[in-house]
């Protein structure tokens, strides 16, 4: 039986929150998407499916996917302890608590997508912390020449504004995952969500206990 849930409600008094400071060693700028043509929506909806074979993805296509799904278009000050943002996907309170952490080409480490700068911020110790997750994901579905995408939630951001905020975070994650699937299909990429969250390894990306895994996907081009 589906367990009873309490609906989220705005707090009467905001709980300001200090976001995670990501430990990065390099920032890799991504080009602004211009030449990567998106297929029409009607074609995309007909063509979208979960694929299980993956060829390497060129950086230009990865950049286009992130540009059309996750970049920040506008931001504004807020009393929450961080800026609220207008991105390509909706988010409760314009908070956007779900980060994208991507496996770099040729197993060259891991990077968080920086939506304000449209860049990949390479993580210190990413390989050490996430290598066990790579092995675990291979048991679920071999990625071949694809790359893993981790959906990493920062629950404290949404909890700053809302009581009982858990369901909002899962909905945010689902919206972002679905949008990535549609844009991937529009760019003729292969994309498949796995049935795992990424925990406990994703949670180890923060030594303050501020992060939780809310999904894993594989991305590549059509083999």
Protein backbone atom coordinates (compact mmCIF):
# COMPACT_ATOMS: atom_id res chain seq x y z
CA UNK A 1 0.00 0.00 0.00
CA UNK A 2 1.20 3.49 -0.83
CA UNK A 3 2.33 5.09 2.45
CA UNK A 4 0.54 8.30 3.51
CA UNK A 5 2.43 11.50 2.76
CA UNK A 6 2.16 14.99 4.17
CA UNK A 7 1.90 17.69 1.53
CA UNK A 8 4.71 20.26 1.41
CA UNK A 9 3.80 23.76 2.55
CA UNK A 10 5.76 27.03 2.56
CA UNK A 11 7.39 27.75 5.90
CA UNK A 12 6.01 30.58 7.98
CA UNK A 13 9.64 31.51 8.68
CA UNK A 14 12.37 30.72 6.16
CA UNK A 15 15.32 28.58 7.29
CA UNK A 16 18.33 30.13 5.49
CA UNK A 17 20.65 27.49 4.08
CA UNK A 18 24.34 27.55 3.10
CA UNK A 19 24.74 25.55 -0.14
CA UNK A 20 27.46 22.99 -0.74
CA UNK A 21 30.80 24.43 -1.81
CA UNK A 22 32.02 22.03 -4.48
CA UNK A 23 35.67 21.03 -4.31
CA UNK A 24 36.83 21.49 -7.91
CA UNK A 25 40.24 21.40 -9.57
CA UNK A 26 39.42 22.73 -13.04
CA UNK A 27 36.63 24.47 -14.95
CA UNK A 28 36.02 23.30 -18.51
CA UNK A 29 34.02 25.84 -20.51
CA UNK A 30 31.39 24.47 -22.87
CA UNK A 31 30.59 26.14 -26.17
CA UNK A 32 27.27 27.93 -26.56
CA UNK A 33 24.96 25.70 -28.57
CA UNK A 34 24.37 27.12 -32.02
CA UNK A 35 24.89 24.55 -34.75
CA UNK A 36 23.23 21.51 -33.15
CA UNK A 37 19.76 21.35 -34.63
CA UNK A 38 16.89 20.03 -32.54
CA UNK A 39 14.36 17.77 -34.21
CA UNK A 40 10.72 19.00 -34.26
CA UNK A 41 8.72 18.22 -31.13
CA UNK A 42 6.33 15.87 -32.96
CA UNK A 43 9.27 13.84 -34.28
CA UNK A 44 10.95 13.82 -30.88
CA UNK A 45 7.86 12.54 -29.09
CA UNK A 46 7.45 9.72 -31.62
CA UNK A 47 11.14 8.77 -31.56
CA UNK A 48 11.88 8.90 -27.82
CA UNK A 49 12.66 5.57 -26.25
CA UNK A 50 15.08 4.18 -23.69
CA UNK A 51 18.09 2.80 -25.55
CA UNK A 52 20.67 0.32 -24.29
CA UNK A 53 23.59 0.75 -26.70
CA UNK A 54 25.86 3.76 -26.49
CA UNK A 55 28.61 5.17 -28.68
CA UNK A 56 30.90 8.01 -27.49
CA UNK A 57 29.27 11.44 -27.36
CA UNK A 58 31.09 14.43 -28.90
CA UNK A 59 31.56 17.41 -26.60
CA UNK A 60 29.46 19.61 -28.92
CA UNK A 61 26.44 17.36 -28.48
CA UNK A 62 26.95 17.11 -24.72
CA UNK A 63 27.13 20.89 -24.57
CA UNK A 64 23.93 21.21 -26.61
CA UNK A 65 22.09 18.76 -24.36
CA UNK A 66 23.06 20.65 -21.21
CA UNK A 67 22.40 24.04 -22.83
CA UNK A 68 18.84 23.07 -23.78
CA UNK A 69 17.96 21.37 -20.48
CA UNK A 70 19.81 22.73 -17.48
CA UNK A 71 21.43 26.13 -17.97
CA UNK A 72 20.48 29.14 -15.86
CA UNK A 73 18.72 31.85 -17.87
CA UNK A 74 18.21 34.35 -15.04
CA UNK A 75 18.87 34.52 -11.31
CA UNK A 76 17.72 36.77 -8.50
CA UNK A 77 18.62 37.36 -4.84
CA UNK A 78 16.50 35.61 -2.23
CA UNK A 79 16.31 35.37 1.57
CA UNK A 80 16.93 31.61 1.36
CA UNK A 81 20.71 31.90 1.58
CA UNK A 82 21.23 31.45 -2.17
CA UNK A 83 19.88 32.86 -5.43
CA UNK A 84 16.71 31.56 -7.04
CA UNK A 85 16.96 30.78 -10.74
CA UNK A 86 15.01 30.60 -13.97
CA UNK A 87 16.20 27.53 -15.87
CA UNK A 88 14.76 25.52 -18.73
CA UNK A 89 12.80 23.20 -16.42
CA UNK A 90 10.31 24.16 -13.69
CA UNK A 91 11.30 23.77 -10.05
CA UNK A 92 9.42 24.29 -6.79
CA UNK A 93 10.20 27.81 -5.61
CA UNK A 94 12.69 28.31 -8.49
CA UNK A 95 15.19 26.56 -6.21
CA UNK A 96 16.57 23.81 -8.51
CA UNK A 97 18.04 21.50 -5.86
CA UNK A 98 19.18 18.76 -8.28
CA UNK A 99 22.73 18.90 -9.65
CA UNK A 100 24.05 17.00 -12.67
CA UNK A 101 27.36 15.21 -12.14
CA UNK A 102 28.77 13.71 -15.32
CA UNK A 103 31.40 11.12 -16.08
CA UNK A 104 34.08 12.68 -18.29
CA UNK A 105 35.29 11.13 -21.54
CA UNK A 106 37.66 8.15 -21.37
CA UNK A 107 36.97 7.80 -17.64
CA UNK A 108 38.86 11.05 -17.09
CA UNK A 109 37.12 11.88 -13.83
CA UNK A 110 33.81 13.49 -12.92
CA UNK A 111 32.45 17.00 -13.23
CA UNK A 112 29.46 18.93 -11.95
CA UNK A 113 27.58 20.86 -14.59
CA UNK A 114 27.72 24.54 -13.64
CA UNK A 115 24.45 25.99 -14.97
CA UNK A 116 25.43 29.61 -14.35
CA UNK A 117 28.68 29.37 -16.33
CA UNK A 118 27.66 26.60 -18.77
CA UNK A 119 30.79 24.71 -17.81
CA UNK A 120 31.94 21.40 -16.38
CA UNK A 121 33.57 21.84 -12.97
CA UNK A 122 35.94 18.89 -12.51
CA UNK A 123 35.65 17.40 -9.03
CA UNK A 124 38.58 16.62 -6.77
CA UNK A 125 38.49 12.94 -5.71
CA UNK A 126 35.59 12.19 -8.05
CA UNK A 127 37.12 8.95 -9.30
CA UNK A 128 38.00 7.73 -5.81
CA UNK A 129 34.54 8.42 -4.42
CA UNK A 130 32.46 7.26 -7.37
CA UNK A 131 34.37 4.28 -8.79
CA UNK A 132 32.33 1.83 -6.66
CA UNK A 133 29.16 3.33 -8.16
CA UNK A 134 30.53 2.72 -11.67
CA UNK A 135 30.96 -0.95 -10.82
CA UNK A 136 27.49 -1.12 -9.29
CA UNK A 137 25.88 0.50 -12.34
CA UNK A 138 27.60 -1.98 -14.67
CA UNK A 139 25.71 -4.77 -12.89
CA UNK A 140 22.45 -2.97 -13.69
CA UNK A 141 23.30 -2.14 -17.32
CA UNK A 142 26.68 -2.12 -19.09
CA UNK A 143 27.30 1.37 -20.44
CA UNK A 144 29.65 0.38 -23.27
CA UNK A 145 31.01 3.67 -24.61
CA UNK A 146 28.37 5.76 -22.88
CA UNK A 147 28.81 8.06 -19.89
CA UNK A 148 27.02 8.07 -16.57
CA UNK A 149 24.96 11.06 -15.47
CA UNK A 150 24.25 11.32 -11.75
CA UNK A 151 21.28 13.28 -10.41
CA UNK A 152 22.47 14.71 -7.10
CA UNK A 153 19.96 16.39 -4.80
CA UNK A 154 20.75 19.02 -2.20
CA UNK A 155 17.65 18.65 0.01
CA UNK A 156 18.54 21.55 2.31
CA UNK A 157 17.89 24.04 -0.47
CA UNK A 158 14.24 23.09 -0.87
CA UNK A 159 13.83 22.61 2.89
CA UNK A 160 14.86 26.23 3.39
CA UNK A 161 11.49 27.32 1.99
CA UNK A 162 9.18 24.33 2.43
CA UNK A 163 8.17 22.00 5.23
CA UNK A 164 7.79 18.33 4.26
CA UNK A 165 9.85 19.04 1.16
CA UNK A 166 10.94 15.52 0.18
CA UNK A 167 8.30 14.97 -2.50
CA UNK A 168 9.17 18.29 -4.14
CA UNK A 169 12.78 17.16 -4.56
CA UNK A 170 11.75 13.88 -6.18
CA UNK A 171 9.41 15.76 -8.52
CA UNK A 172 12.20 18.17 -9.45
CA UNK A 173 14.45 15.21 -10.22
CA UNK A 174 11.80 13.54 -12.36
CA UNK A 175 11.15 16.70 -14.37
CA UNK A 176 14.86 17.13 -15.09
CA UNK A 177 15.27 13.45 -16.00
CA UNK A 178 12.31 13.60 -18.37
CA UNK A 179 13.49 16.81 -20.01
CA UNK A 180 16.92 15.29 -20.60
CA UNK A 181 15.26 12.29 -22.23
CA UNK A 182 13.27 14.46 -24.64
CA UNK A 183 16.15 16.74 -25.59
CA UNK A 184 18.45 13.73 -25.99
CA UNK A 185 15.95 12.23 -28.43
CA UNK A 186 15.72 15.56 -30.26
CA UNK A 187 19.52 15.56 -30.65
CA UNK A 188 19.44 11.90 -31.76
CA UNK A 189 21.26 10.73 -28.64
CA UNK A 190 20.72 7.51 -26.71
CA UNK A 191 19.67 7.94 -23.08
CA UNK A 192 18.49 5.46 -20.47
CA UNK A 193 17.58 5.92 -16.82
CA UNK A 194 18.69 3.19 -14.44
CA UNK A 195 16.66 2.00 -11.47
CA UNK A 196 19.22 3.11 -8.88
CA UNK A 197 19.70 6.33 -6.93
CA UNK A 198 23.50 6.44 -6.75
CA UNK A 199 23.59 6.18 -2.97
CA UNK A 200 25.54 5.72 -0.76
CA UNK A 201 28.40 6.86 -3.00
CA UNK A 202 26.79 10.08 -4.22
CA UNK A 203 26.18 11.17 -0.64
CA UNK A 204 29.94 10.92 -0.04
CA UNK A 205 30.53 13.84 -2.44
CA UNK A 206 29.73 16.06 0.55
CA UNK A 207 31.44 15.47 3.88
CA UNK A 208 28.70 17.56 5.50
CA UNK A 209 25.87 15.16 4.67
CA UNK A 210 24.20 17.68 2.34
CA UNK A 211 23.85 15.56 -0.82
CA UNK A 212 21.72 12.57 -1.82
CA UNK A 213 21.50 10.55 -5.01
CA UNK A 214 18.15 10.70 -6.79
CA UNK A 215 18.95 8.91 -10.05
CA UNK A 216 21.49 7.62 -12.55
CA UNK A 217 21.36 7.58 -16.36
CA UNK A 218 23.57 6.51 -19.25
CA UNK A 219 24.12 8.86 -22.19
CA UNK A 220 25.76 8.33 -25.57
CA UNK A 221 25.23 8.62 -29.29
CA UNK A 222 23.48 6.06 -31.42
CA UNK A 223 25.79 3.14 -32.09
